[in-house]
Amino acid sequence: MPYIDTPTQSIDVDGTAFAYRDLGPRSGVPLVLLNHWGAVLDNFDPRIVDGLSRRHRIIAIDYRGIGASGGTAPVTIDATARDAIALIHALGFEKIDLLGFSLGGFVAQDIVLKAPALVRRLILTGTGPAGGKGIDDVGAHSRLATGQLQGRRAWGDFPVPRRVRAQGAGLPQ
């Protein structure tokens, strides 16, 4: 079933109803998707989710207080990560793969620190570490990628550490 047709479900976690969508094959380790701040289930790109769901069970969630989830939105990464861990456990998962986009990447990193045995694989997209070098330029990089930044030709105008270039090319570091 395509993502856009997948019904939104709800599960109670410590008195708060969390909205999520569950699709894809039921075998293997599920991939939990964490989106950017303020995003609701309908903000996940259905083309990406549909592609992932061909081979993986996908669990996409709304954070507490966002979209169809109840409660008040947390104001810290710590609280959001604790919510996600509690939700993952409430869904009955002991091991997951985790994909975090933007703020979801911050949350995913905190989940790995708080519950390392829970996460088998971590995928970070459009994100960085809190206080990491260059994190203050994330907005500029995003605008460059979408053609909104004047005076820069391409990603090559921004320095990329050798280790990252090597990983991207499949080369030894």
Foldseek 3Di string as FASTA:
>chain_A
DFQVPFDWDWDAFPNKTKIKGKAADPDDAAEEEAEAPQDDSVPPDRVVVVVVRPHHIYIYTDFECHDPIHDNHDPDLLVRLVRVVRVCVRVPAQAHAYEAEASRLQNQVVNCVVPVSRYPHYHYYLYDYVVDPCRVCSVVVVCVVVVNDPPDDHPVVDDDDPCVVCVVVVHDD
